[in-house]
């Protein structure tokens, strides 16, 4: 856990620090859109900079990907070369009937 999230004196500061990302269009639940608009207002009130919707979503996804241990394990497994494909095929003698 970062120092920012574990320090109670910083409890009124956004967990996600906004970085610049390329915009992405997608469909989002209307309740989530309302929360997104509120979060953008919150970040702007604290940092005096208004992030775009894409910047907040991108930063939130980066945090999600980093914190989701199941995803990290799956990603590591998928990105590892398959050891079975690297070994030469075993030649087994066929049994004569």
PDB file of N, CA and C in Angstrom:
ATOM      1  N   UNK A   1       0.851  -1.174   0.000  1.00  0.00           N
ATOM      2  CA  UNK A   1       0.000   0.000   0.000  1.00  0.00           C
ATOM      3  C   UNK A   1       0.896   1.237   0.000  1.00  0.00           C
ATOM      4  N   UNK A   2       0.524   2.211  -0.775  1.00  0.00           N
ATOM      5  CA  UNK A   2       1.351   3.409  -0.853  1.00  0.00           C
ATOM      6  C   UNK A   2       1.249   4.218   0.420  1.00  0.00           C
ATOM      7  N   UNK A   3       2.231   5.074   0.622  1.00  0.00           N
ATOM      8  CA  UNK A   3       2.249   5.932   1.795  1.00  0.00           C
ATOM      9  C   UNK A   3       1.019   6.833   1.788  1.00  0.00           C
ATOM     10  N   UNK A   4       0.605   7.287   0.593  1.00  0.00           N
ATOM     11  CA  UNK A   4      -0.521   8.198   0.485  1.00  0.00           C
ATOM     12  C   UNK A   4      -1.798   7.553   0.997  1.00  0.00           C
ATOM     13  N   UNK A   5      -2.057   6.271   0.665  1.00  0.00           N
ATOM     14  CA  UNK A   5      -3.292   5.629   1.082  1.00  0.00           C
ATOM     15  C   UNK A   5      -3.238   5.157   2.527  1.00  0.00           C
ATOM     16  N   UNK A   6      -2.062   4.977   3.082  1.00  0.00           N
ATOM     17  CA  UNK A   6      -1.976   4.497   4.456  1.00  0.00           C
ATOM     18  C   UNK A   6      -1.876   5.641   5.461  1.00  0.00           C
ATOM     19  N   UNK A   7      -1.648   6.849   5.005  1.00  0.00           N
ATOM     20  CA  UNK A   7      -1.497   7.991   5.888  1.00  0.00           C
ATOM     21  C   UNK A   7      -2.845   8.681   6.048  1.00  0.00           C
ATOM     22  N   UNK A   8      -3.395   8.682   7.260  1.00  0.00           N
ATOM     23  CA  UNK A   8      -4.706   9.264   7.492  1.00  0.00           C
ATOM     24  C   UNK A   8      -4.742  10.765   7.239  1.00  0.00           C
ATOM     25  N   UNK A   9      -3.618  11.458   7.386  1.00  0.00           N
ATOM     26  CA  UNK A   9      -3.624  12.899   7.148  1.00  0.00           C
ATOM     27  C   UNK A   9      -3.834  13.217   5.674  1.00  0.00           C
ATOM     28  N   UNK A  10      -3.586  12.260   4.787  1.00  0.00           N
ATOM     29  CA  UNK A  10      -3.779  12.456   3.358  1.00  0.00           C
ATOM     30  C   UNK A  10      -5.104  11.860   2.887  1.00  0.00           C
ATOM     31  N   UNK A  11      -6.028  11.605   3.790  1.00  0.00           N
ATOM     32  CA  UNK A  11      -7.274  10.931   3.443  1.00  0.00           C
ATOM     33  C   UNK A  11      -8.135  11.747   2.484  1.00  0.00           C
ATOM     34  N   UNK A  12      -7.900  13.027   2.365  1.00  0.00           N
ATOM     35  CA  UNK A  12      -8.697  13.861   1.471  1.00  0.00           C
ATOM     36  C   UNK A  12      -7.996  14.140   0.159  1.00  0.00           C
ATOM     37  N   UNK A  13      -7.128  13.234  -0.260  1.00  0.00           N
ATOM     38  CA  UNK A  13      -6.399  13.390  -1.518  1.00  0.00           C
ATOM     39  C   UNK A  13      -6.710  12.190  -2.402  1.00  0.00           C
ATOM     40  N   UNK A  14      -6.898  12.392  -3.706  1.00  0.00           N
ATOM     41  CA  UNK A  14      -7.243  11.262  -4.574  1.00  0.00           C
ATOM     42  C   UNK A  14      -6.181  10.164  -4.552  1.00  0.00           C
ATOM     43  N   UNK A  15      -6.611   8.921  -4.564  1.00  0.00           N
ATOM     44  CA  UNK A  15      -5.690   7.791  -4.614  1.00  0.00           C
ATOM     45  C   UNK A  15      -5.037   7.714  -5.988  1.00  0.00           C
ATOM     46  N   UNK A  16      -5.792   7.990  -7.028  1.00  0.00           N
ATOM     47  CA  UNK A  16      -5.291   7.902  -8.388  1.00  0.00           C
ATOM     48  C   UNK A  16      -4.663   9.230  -8.787  1.00  0.00           C
ATOM     49  N   UNK A  17      -3.406   9.197  -9.158  1.00  0.00           N
ATOM     50  CA  UNK A  17      -2.795  10.409  -9.691  1.00  0.00           C
ATOM     51  C   UNK A  17      -2.941  10.356 -11.208  1.00  0.00           C
ATOM     52  N   UNK A  18      -3.507  11.398 -11.760  1.00  0.00           N
ATOM     53  CA  UNK A  18      -3.844  11.406 -13.175  1.00  0.00           C
ATOM     54  C   UNK A  18      -2.612  11.645 -14.023  1.00  0.00           C
ATOM     55  N   UNK A  19      -2.446  10.814 -15.026  1.00  0.00           N
ATOM     56  CA  UNK A  19      -1.390  10.962 -16.016  1.00  0.00           C
ATOM     57  C   UNK A  19      -2.069  11.125 -17.361  1.00  0.00           C
ATOM     58  N   UNK A  20      -1.334  11.535 -18.358  1.00  0.00           N
ATOM     59  CA  UNK A  20      -1.915  11.753 -19.681  1.00  0.00           C
ATOM     60  C   UNK A  20      -2.000  10.439 -20.448  1.00  0.00           C
ATOM     61  N   UNK A  21      -3.206  10.145 -20.978  1.00  0.00           N
ATOM     62  CA  UNK A  21      -3.469   8.939 -21.736  1.00  0.00           C
ATOM     63  C   UNK A  21      -4.194   9.303 -23.016  1.00  0.00           C
ATOM     64  N   UNK A  22      -4.166   8.422 -23.968  1.00  0.00           N
ATOM     65  CA  UNK A  22      -4.941   8.608 -25.192  1.00  0.00           C
ATOM     66  C   UNK A  22      -6.403   8.344 -24.876  1.00  0.00           C
ATOM     67  N   UNK A  23      -7.290   9.156 -25.401  1.00  0.00           N
ATOM     68  CA  UNK A  23      -8.726   9.005 -25.149  1.00  0.00           C
ATOM     69  C   UNK A  23      -9.253   7.707 -25.753  1.00  0.00           C
ATOM     70  N   UNK A  24     -10.280   7.133 -25.116  1.00  0.00           N
ATOM     71  CA  UNK A  24     -10.892   5.886 -25.555  1.00  0.00           C
ATOM     72  C   UNK A  24     -12.403   6.041 -25.427  1.00  0.00           C
ATOM     73  N   UNK A  25     -13.129   5.624 -26.436  1.00  0.00           N
ATOM     74  CA  UNK A  25     -14.591   5.682 -26.368  1.00  0.00           C
ATOM     75  C   UNK A  25     -15.120   4.304 -25.993  1.00  0.00           C
ATOM     76  N   UNK A  26     -16.036   4.266 -25.024  1.00  0.00           N
ATOM     77  CA  UNK A  26     -16.640   3.001 -24.617  1.00  0.00           C
ATOM     78  C   UNK A  26     -17.982   3.281 -23.943  1.00  0.00           C
ATOM     79  N   UNK A  27     -18.795   2.253 -23.840  1.00  0.00           N
ATOM     80  CA  UNK A  27     -20.081   2.358 -23.155  1.00  0.00           C
ATOM     81  C   UNK A  27     -19.872   2.074 -21.679  1.00  0.00           C
ATOM     82  N   UNK A  28     -20.482   2.914 -20.836  1.00  0.00           N
ATOM     83  CA  UNK A  28     -20.339   2.776 -19.388  1.00  0.00           C
ATOM     84  C   UNK A  28     -21.723   2.912 -18.758  1.00  0.00           C
ATOM     85  N   UNK A  29     -21.956   2.160 -17.711  1.00  0.00           N
ATOM     86  CA  UNK A  29     -23.194   2.233 -16.949  1.00  0.00           C
ATOM     87  C   UNK A  29     -23.448   3.684 -16.534  1.00  0.00           C
ATOM     88  N   UNK A  30     -24.702   4.140 -16.592  1.00  0.00           N
ATOM     89  CA  UNK A  30     -25.010   5.551 -16.290  1.00  0.00           C
ATOM     90  C   UNK A  30     -24.652   5.924 -14.853  1.00  0.00           C
ATOM     91  N   UNK A  31     -24.801   5.002 -13.921  1.00  0.00           N
ATOM     92  CA  UNK A  31     -24.411   5.303 -12.529  1.00  0.00           C
ATOM     93  C   UNK A  31     -22.906   5.515 -12.428  1.00  0.00           C
ATOM     94  N   UNK A  32     -22.155   4.724 -13.189  1.00  0.00           N
ATOM     95  CA  UNK A  32     -20.702   4.895 -13.191  1.00  0.00           C
ATOM     96  C   UNK A  32     -20.312   6.217 -13.843  1.00  0.00           C
ATOM     97  N   UNK A  33     -21.063   6.628 -14.860  1.00  0.00           N
ATOM     98  CA  UNK A  33     -20.795   7.928 -15.485  1.00  0.00           C
ATOM     99  C   UNK A  33     -21.021   9.063 -14.501  1.00  0.00           C
ATOM    100  N   UNK A  34     -22.068   8.945 -13.688  1.00  0.00           N
ATOM    101  CA  UNK A  34     -22.327   9.962 -12.666  1.00  0.00           C
ATOM    102  C   UNK A  34     -21.177  10.017 -11.659  1.00  0.00           C
ATOM    103  N   UNK A  35     -20.725   8.842 -11.221  1.00  0.00           N
ATOM    104  CA  UNK A  35     -19.598   8.784 -10.276  1.00  0.00           C
ATOM    105  C   UNK A  35     -18.328   9.325 -10.918  1.00  0.00           C
ATOM    106  N   UNK A  36     -18.137   9.031 -12.191  1.00  0.00           N
ATOM    107  CA  UNK A  36     -16.972   9.528 -12.917  1.00  0.00           C
ATOM    108  C   UNK A  36     -16.978  11.057 -12.943  1.00  0.00           C
ATOM    109  N   UNK A  37     -18.126  11.648 -13.239  1.00  0.00           N
ATOM    110  CA  UNK A  37     -18.233  13.114 -13.252  1.00  0.00           C
ATOM    111  C   UNK A  37     -17.936  13.689 -11.871  1.00  0.00           C
ATOM    112  N   UNK A  38     -18.456  13.038 -10.827  1.00  0.00           N
ATOM    113  CA  UNK A  38     -18.172  13.501  -9.463  1.00  0.00           C
ATOM    114  C   UNK A  38     -16.689  13.373  -9.129  1.00  0.00           C
ATOM    115  N   UNK A  39     -16.074  12.270  -9.551  1.00  0.00           N
ATOM    116  CA  UNK A  39     -14.647  12.070  -9.268  1.00  0.00           C
ATOM    117  C   UNK A  39     -13.806  13.110  -9.989  1.00  0.00           C
ATOM    118  N   UNK A  40     -14.174  13.428 -11.217  1.00  0.00           N
ATOM    119  CA  UNK A  40     -13.458  14.466 -11.959  1.00  0.00           C
ATOM    120  C   UNK A  40     -13.557  15.798 -11.222  1.00  0.00           C
ATOM    121  N   UNK A  41     -14.739  16.125 -10.715  1.00  0.00           N
ATOM    122  CA  UNK A  41     -14.910  17.359  -9.934  1.00  0.00           C
ATOM    123  C   UNK A  41     -14.067  17.326  -8.669  1.00  0.00           C
ATOM    124  N   UNK A  42     -14.024  16.177  -8.018  1.00  0.00           N
ATOM    125  CA  UNK A  42     -13.216  16.007  -6.809  1.00  0.00           C
ATOM    126  C   UNK A  42     -11.736  16.244  -7.097  1.00  0.00           C
ATOM    127  N   UNK A  43     -11.224  15.582  -8.138  1.00  0.00           N
ATOM    128  CA  UNK A  43      -9.810  15.744  -8.481  1.00  0.00           C
ATOM    129  C   UNK A  43      -9.513  17.200  -8.812  1.00  0.00           C
ATOM    130  N   UNK A  44     -10.397  17.827  -9.565  1.00  0.00           N
ATOM    131  CA  UNK A  44     -10.192  19.227  -9.924  1.00  0.00           C
ATOM    132  C   UNK A  44     -10.195  20.130  -8.691  1.00  0.00           C
ATOM    133  N   UNK A  45     -11.065  19.856  -7.728  1.00  0.00           N
ATOM    134  CA  UNK A  45     -11.119  20.687  -6.520  1.00  0.00           C
ATOM    135  C   UNK A  45      -9.869  20.533  -5.660  1.00  0.00           C
ATOM    136  N   UNK A  46      -9.248  19.370  -5.714  1.00  0.00           N
ATOM    137  CA  UNK A  46      -8.060  19.119  -4.901  1.00  0.00           C
ATOM    138  C   UNK A  46      -6.777  19.544  -5.616  1.00  0.00           C
ATOM    139  N   UNK A  47      -6.700  19.247  -6.914  1.00  0.00           N
ATOM    140  CA  UNK A  47      -5.450  19.482  -7.646  1.00  0.00           C
ATOM    141  C   UNK A  47      -5.459  20.764  -8.469  1.00  0.00           C
ATOM    142  N   UNK A  48      -6.644  21.349  -8.632  1.00  0.00           N
ATOM    143  CA  UNK A  48      -6.827  22.549  -9.474  1.00  0.00           C
ATOM    144  C   UNK A  48      -6.585  22.243 -10.955  1.00  0.00           C
ATOM    145  N   UNK A  49      -6.564  20.956 -11.326  1.00  0.00           N
ATOM    146  CA  UNK A  49      -6.474  20.540 -12.720  1.00  0.00           C
ATOM    147  C   UNK A  49      -7.638  19.613 -13.001  1.00  0.00           C
ATOM    148  N   UNK A  50      -8.340  19.846 -14.119  1.00  0.00           N
ATOM    149  CA  UNK A  50      -9.480  19.004 -14.459  1.00  0.00           C
ATOM    150  C   UNK A  50      -9.023  17.897 -15.412  1.00  0.00           C
ATOM    151  N   UNK A  51      -9.057  16.655 -14.935  1.00  0.00           N
ATOM    152  CA  UNK A  51      -8.676  15.547 -15.811  1.00  0.00           C
ATOM    153  C   UNK A  51      -9.804  15.233 -16.786  1.00  0.00           C
ATOM    154  N   UNK A  52      -9.460  14.617 -17.897  1.00  0.00           N
ATOM    155  CA  UNK A  52     -10.486  14.153 -18.822  1.00  0.00           C
ATOM    156  C   UNK A  52     -11.053  12.838 -18.310  1.00  0.00           C
ATOM    157  N   UNK A  53     -12.192  12.449 -18.866  1.00  0.00           N
ATOM    158  CA  UNK A  53     -12.780  11.158 -18.498  1.00  0.00           C
ATOM    159  C   UNK A  53     -11.803  10.021 -18.814  1.00  0.00           C
ATOM    160  N   UNK A  54     -11.156  10.109 -19.966  1.00  0.00           N
ATOM    161  CA  UNK A  54     -10.210   9.082 -20.367  1.00  0.00           C
ATOM    162  C   UNK A  54      -9.019   8.986 -19.441  1.00  0.00           C
ATOM    163  N   UNK A  55      -8.556  10.121 -18.956  1.00  0.00           N
ATOM    164  CA  UNK A  55      -7.420  10.111 -18.025  1.00  0.00           C
ATOM    165  C   UNK A  55      -7.778   9.412 -16.724  1.00  0.00           C
ATOM    166  N   UNK A  56      -8.982   9.682 -16.208  1.00  0.00           N
ATOM    167  CA  UNK A  56      -9.405   9.049 -14.959  1.00  0.00           C
ATOM    168  C   UNK A  56      -9.618   7.556 -15.176  1.00  0.00           C
ATOM    169  N   UNK A  57     -10.289   7.186 -16.258  1.00  0.00           N
ATOM    170  CA  UNK A  57     -10.524   5.770 -16.544  1.00  0.00           C
ATOM    171  C   UNK A  57      -9.199   5.050 -16.759  1.00  0.00           C
ATOM    172  N   UNK A  58      -8.282   5.671 -17.500  1.00  0.00           N
ATOM    173  CA  UNK A  58      -6.976   5.052 -17.727  1.00  0.00           C
ATOM    174  C   UNK A  58      -6.202   4.853 -16.443  1.00  0.00           C
ATOM    175  N   UNK A  59      -6.212   5.867 -15.576  1.00  0.00           N
ATOM    176  CA  UNK A  59      -5.509   5.755 -14.292  1.00  0.00           C
ATOM    177  C   UNK A  59      -6.165   4.686 -13.412  1.00  0.00           C
ATOM    178  N   UNK A  60      -7.498   4.632 -13.441  1.00  0.00           N
ATOM    179  CA  UNK A  60      -8.209   3.626 -12.644  1.00  0.00           C
ATOM    180  C   UNK A  60      -7.908   2.219 -13.164  1.00  0.00           C
ATOM    181  N   UNK A  61      -7.853   2.054 -14.480  1.00  0.00           N
ATOM    182  CA  UNK A  61      -7.520   0.740 -15.045  1.00  0.00           C
ATOM    183  C   UNK A  61      -6.095   0.335 -14.694  1.00  0.00           C
ATOM    184  N   UNK A  62      -5.166   1.285 -14.725  1.00  0.00           N
ATOM    185  CA  UNK A  62      -3.780   0.975 -14.355  1.00  0.00           C
ATOM    186  C   UNK A  62      -3.718   0.468 -12.914  1.00  0.00           C
ATOM    187  N   UNK A  63      -4.477   1.107 -12.017  1.00  0.00           N
ATOM    188  CA  UNK A  63      -4.520   0.661 -10.619  1.00  0.00           C
ATOM    189  C   UNK A  63      -5.172  -0.711 -10.513  1.00  0.00           C
ATOM    190  N   UNK A  64      -6.259  -0.913 -11.235  1.00  0.00           N
ATOM    191  CA  UNK A  64      -6.946  -2.203 -11.225  1.00  0.00           C
ATOM    192  C   UNK A  64      -6.013  -3.317 -11.686  1.00  0.00           C
ATOM    193  N   UNK A  65      -5.329  -3.097 -12.797  1.00  0.00           N
ATOM    194  CA  UNK A  65      -4.433  -4.120 -13.332  1.00  0.00           C
ATOM    195  C   UNK A  65      -3.294  -4.421 -12.367  1.00  0.00           C
ATOM    196  N   UNK A  66      -2.818  -3.388 -11.680  1.00  0.00           N
ATOM    197  CA  UNK A  66      -1.704  -3.562 -10.743  1.00  0.00           C
ATOM    198  C   UNK A  66      -2.151  -4.307  -9.485  1.00  0.00           C
ATOM    199  N   UNK A  67      -3.364  -4.040  -9.013  1.00  0.00           N
ATOM    200  CA  UNK A  67      -3.821  -4.592  -7.735  1.00  0.00           C
ATOM    201  C   UNK A  67      -4.502  -5.954  -7.851  1.00  0.00           C
ATOM    202  N   UNK A  68      -4.948  -6.333  -9.030  1.00  0.00           N
ATOM    203  CA  UNK A  68      -5.664  -7.594  -9.201  1.00  0.00           C
ATOM    204  C   UNK A  68      -4.653  -8.740  -9.299  1.00  0.00           C
ATOM    205  N   UNK A  69      -4.465  -9.453  -8.191  1.00  0.00           N
ATOM    206  CA  UNK A  69      -3.463 -10.523  -8.140  1.00  0.00           C
ATOM    207  C   UNK A  69      -3.792 -11.665  -9.090  1.00  0.00           C
ATOM    208  N   UNK A  70      -5.075 -11.975  -9.237  1.00  0.00           N
ATOM    209  CA  UNK A  70      -5.477 -13.027 -10.161  1.00  0.00           C
ATOM    210  C   UNK A  70      -5.097 -12.669 -11.592  1.00  0.00           C
ATOM    211  N   UNK A  71      -5.320 -11.414 -11.967  1.00  0.00           N
ATOM    212  CA  UNK A  71      -4.953 -10.959 -13.306  1.00  0.00           C
ATOM    213  C   UNK A  71      -3.447 -11.009 -13.491  1.00  0.00           C
ATOM    214  N   UNK A  72      -2.702 -10.573 -12.492  1.00  0.00           N
ATOM    215  CA  UNK A  72      -1.238 -10.588 -12.591  1.00  0.00           C
ATOM    216  C   UNK A  72      -0.725 -12.013 -12.791  1.00  0.00           C
ATOM    217  N   UNK A  73      -1.263 -12.957 -12.015  1.00  0.00           N
ATOM    218  CA  UNK A  73      -0.840 -14.360 -12.155  1.00  0.00           C
ATOM    219  C   UNK A  73      -1.206 -14.881 -13.534  1.00  0.00           C
ATOM    220  N   UNK A  74      -2.433 -14.628 -13.962  1.00  0.00           N
ATOM    221  CA  UNK A  74      -2.874 -15.085 -15.272  1.00  0.00           C
ATOM    222  C   UNK A  74      -2.003 -14.487 -16.379  1.00  0.00           C
ATOM    223  N   UNK A  75      -1.720 -13.182 -16.286  1.00  0.00           N
ATOM    224  CA  UNK A  75      -0.914 -12.510 -17.300  1.00  0.00           C
ATOM    225  C   UNK A  75       0.486 -13.113 -17.353  1.00  0.00           C
ATOM    226  N   UNK A  76       1.073 -13.362 -16.182  1.00  0.00           N
ATOM    227  CA  UNK A  76       2.402 -13.983 -16.136  1.00  0.00           C
ATOM    228  C   UNK A  76       2.379 -15.364 -16.776  1.00  0.00           C
ATOM    229  N   UNK A  77       1.331 -16.150 -16.477  1.00  0.00           N
ATOM    230  CA  UNK A  77       1.225 -17.492 -17.040  1.00  0.00           C
ATOM    231  C   UNK A  77       1.057 -17.443 -18.556  1.00  0.00           C
ATOM    232  N   UNK A  78       0.248 -16.530 -19.041  1.00  0.00           N
ATOM    233  CA  UNK A  78      -0.011 -16.416 -20.473  1.00  0.00           C
ATOM    234  C   UNK A  78       1.238 -15.945 -21.215  1.00  0.00           C
ATOM    235  N   UNK A  79       2.024 -15.081 -20.589  1.00  0.00           N
ATOM    236  CA  UNK A  79       3.185 -14.513 -21.260  1.00  0.00           C
ATOM    237  C   UNK A  79       4.418 -15.408 -21.196  1.00  0.00           C
ATOM    238  N   UNK A  80       4.390 -16.449 -20.354  1.00  0.00           N
ATOM    239  CA  UNK A  80       5.517 -17.378 -20.282  1.00  0.00           C
ATOM    240  C   UNK A  80       5.479 -18.299 -21.491  1.00  0.00           C
ATOM    241  N   UNK A  81       6.645 -18.574 -22.061  1.00  0.00           N
ATOM    242  CA  UNK A  81       6.649 -19.542 -23.165  1.00  0.00           C
ATOM    243  C   UNK A  81       6.235 -20.912 -22.645  1.00  0.00           C
ATOM    244  N   UNK A  82       5.508 -21.644 -23.429  1.00  0.00           N
ATOM    245  CA  UNK A  82       5.048 -22.975 -23.045  1.00  0.00           C
ATOM    246  C   UNK A  82       6.223 -23.941 -23.129  1.00  0.00           C
ATOM    247  N   UNK A  83       6.632 -24.471 -21.993  1.00  0.00           N
ATOM    248  CA  UNK A  83       7.786 -25.358 -21.916  1.00  0.00           C
ATOM    249  C   UNK A  83       7.556 -26.608 -22.760  1.00  0.00           C
ATOM    250  N   UNK A  84       6.335 -27.096 -22.821  1.00  0.00           N
ATOM    251  CA  UNK A  84       6.039 -28.306 -23.586  1.00  0.00           C
ATOM    252  C   UNK A  84       6.320 -28.103 -25.072  1.00  0.00           C
ATOM    253  N   UNK A  85       6.127 -26.905 -25.580  1.00  0.00           N
ATOM    254  CA  UNK A  85       6.350 -26.654 -26.994  1.00  0.00           C
ATOM    255  C   UNK A  85       7.832 -26.534 -27.316  1.00  0.00           C
ATOM    256  N   UNK A  86       8.668 -26.274 -26.324  1.00  0.00           N
ATOM    257  CA  UNK A  86      10.092 -26.097 -26.559  1.00  0.00           C
ATOM    258  C   UNK A  86      10.856 -27.417 -26.541  1.00  0.00           C
ATOM    259  N   UNK A  87      10.318 -28.441 -25.881  1.00  0.00           N
ATOM    260  CA  UNK A  87      10.992 -29.735 -25.798  1.00  0.00           C
ATOM    261  C   UNK A  87      10.762 -30.516 -27.081  1.00  0.00           C
ATOM    262  N   UNK A  88      11.791 -31.223 -27.542  1.00  0.00           N
ATOM    263  CA  UNK A  88      11.568 -32.081 -28.711  1.00  0.00           C
ATOM    264  C   UNK A  88      10.601 -33.205 -28.326  1.00  0.00           C
ATOM    265  N   UNK A  89       9.824 -33.625 -29.263  1.00  0.00           N
ATOM    266  CA  UNK A  89       8.848 -34.681 -28.993  1.00  0.00           C
ATOM    267  C   UNK A  89       9.566 -35.964 -28.626  1.00  0.00           C
ATOM    268  N   UNK A  90       9.019 -36.656 -27.637  1.00  0.00           N
ATOM    269  CA  UNK A  90       9.603 -37.921 -27.220  1.00  0.00           C
ATOM    270  C   UNK A  90       9.232 -38.995 -28.240  1.00  0.00           C
ATOM    271  N   UNK A  91      10.207 -39.788 -28.581  1.00  0.00           N
ATOM    272  CA  UNK A  91       9.945 -40.896 -29.497  1.00  0.00           C
ATOM    273  C   UNK A  91       9.805 -42.150 -28.651  1.00  0.00           C
ATOM    274  N   UNK A  92       8.643 -42.754 -28.711  1.00  0.00           N
ATOM    275  CA  UNK A  92       8.403 -43.970 -27.942  1.00  0.00           C
ATOM    276  C   UNK A  92       8.305 -45.135 -28.896  1.00  0.00           C
ATOM    277  N   UNK A  93       8.958 -46.218 -28.538  1.00  0.00           N
ATOM    278  CA  UNK A  93       8.828 -47.402 -29.407  1.00  0.00           C
ATOM    279  C   UNK A  93       7.400 -47.925 -29.343  1.00  0.00           C
ATOM    280  N   UNK A  94       6.904 -48.334 -30.473  1.00  0.00           N
ATOM    281  CA  UNK A  94       5.550 -48.879 -30.501  1.00  0.00           C
ATOM    282  C   UNK A  94       5.623 -50.358 -30.149  1.00  0.00           C
ATOM    283  N   UNK A  95       4.647 -50.799 -29.420  1.00  0.00           N
ATOM    284  CA  UNK A  95       4.595 -52.214 -29.022  1.00  0.00           C
ATOM    285  C   UNK A  95       4.070 -53.032 -30.186  1.00  0.00           C
ATOM    286  N   UNK A  96       4.716 -54.159 -30.433  1.00  0.00           N
ATOM    287  CA  UNK A  96       4.258 -55.042 -31.504  1.00  0.00           C
ATOM    288  C   UNK A  96       3.239 -56.006 -30.948  1.00  0.00           C
ATOM    289  N   UNK A  97       2.182 -56.216 -31.674  1.00  0.00           N
ATOM    290  CA  UNK A  97       1.117 -57.092 -31.214  1.00  0.00           C
ATOM    291  C   UNK A  97       1.310 -58.509 -31.660  1.00  0.00           C
TER     292      UNK A  97
END
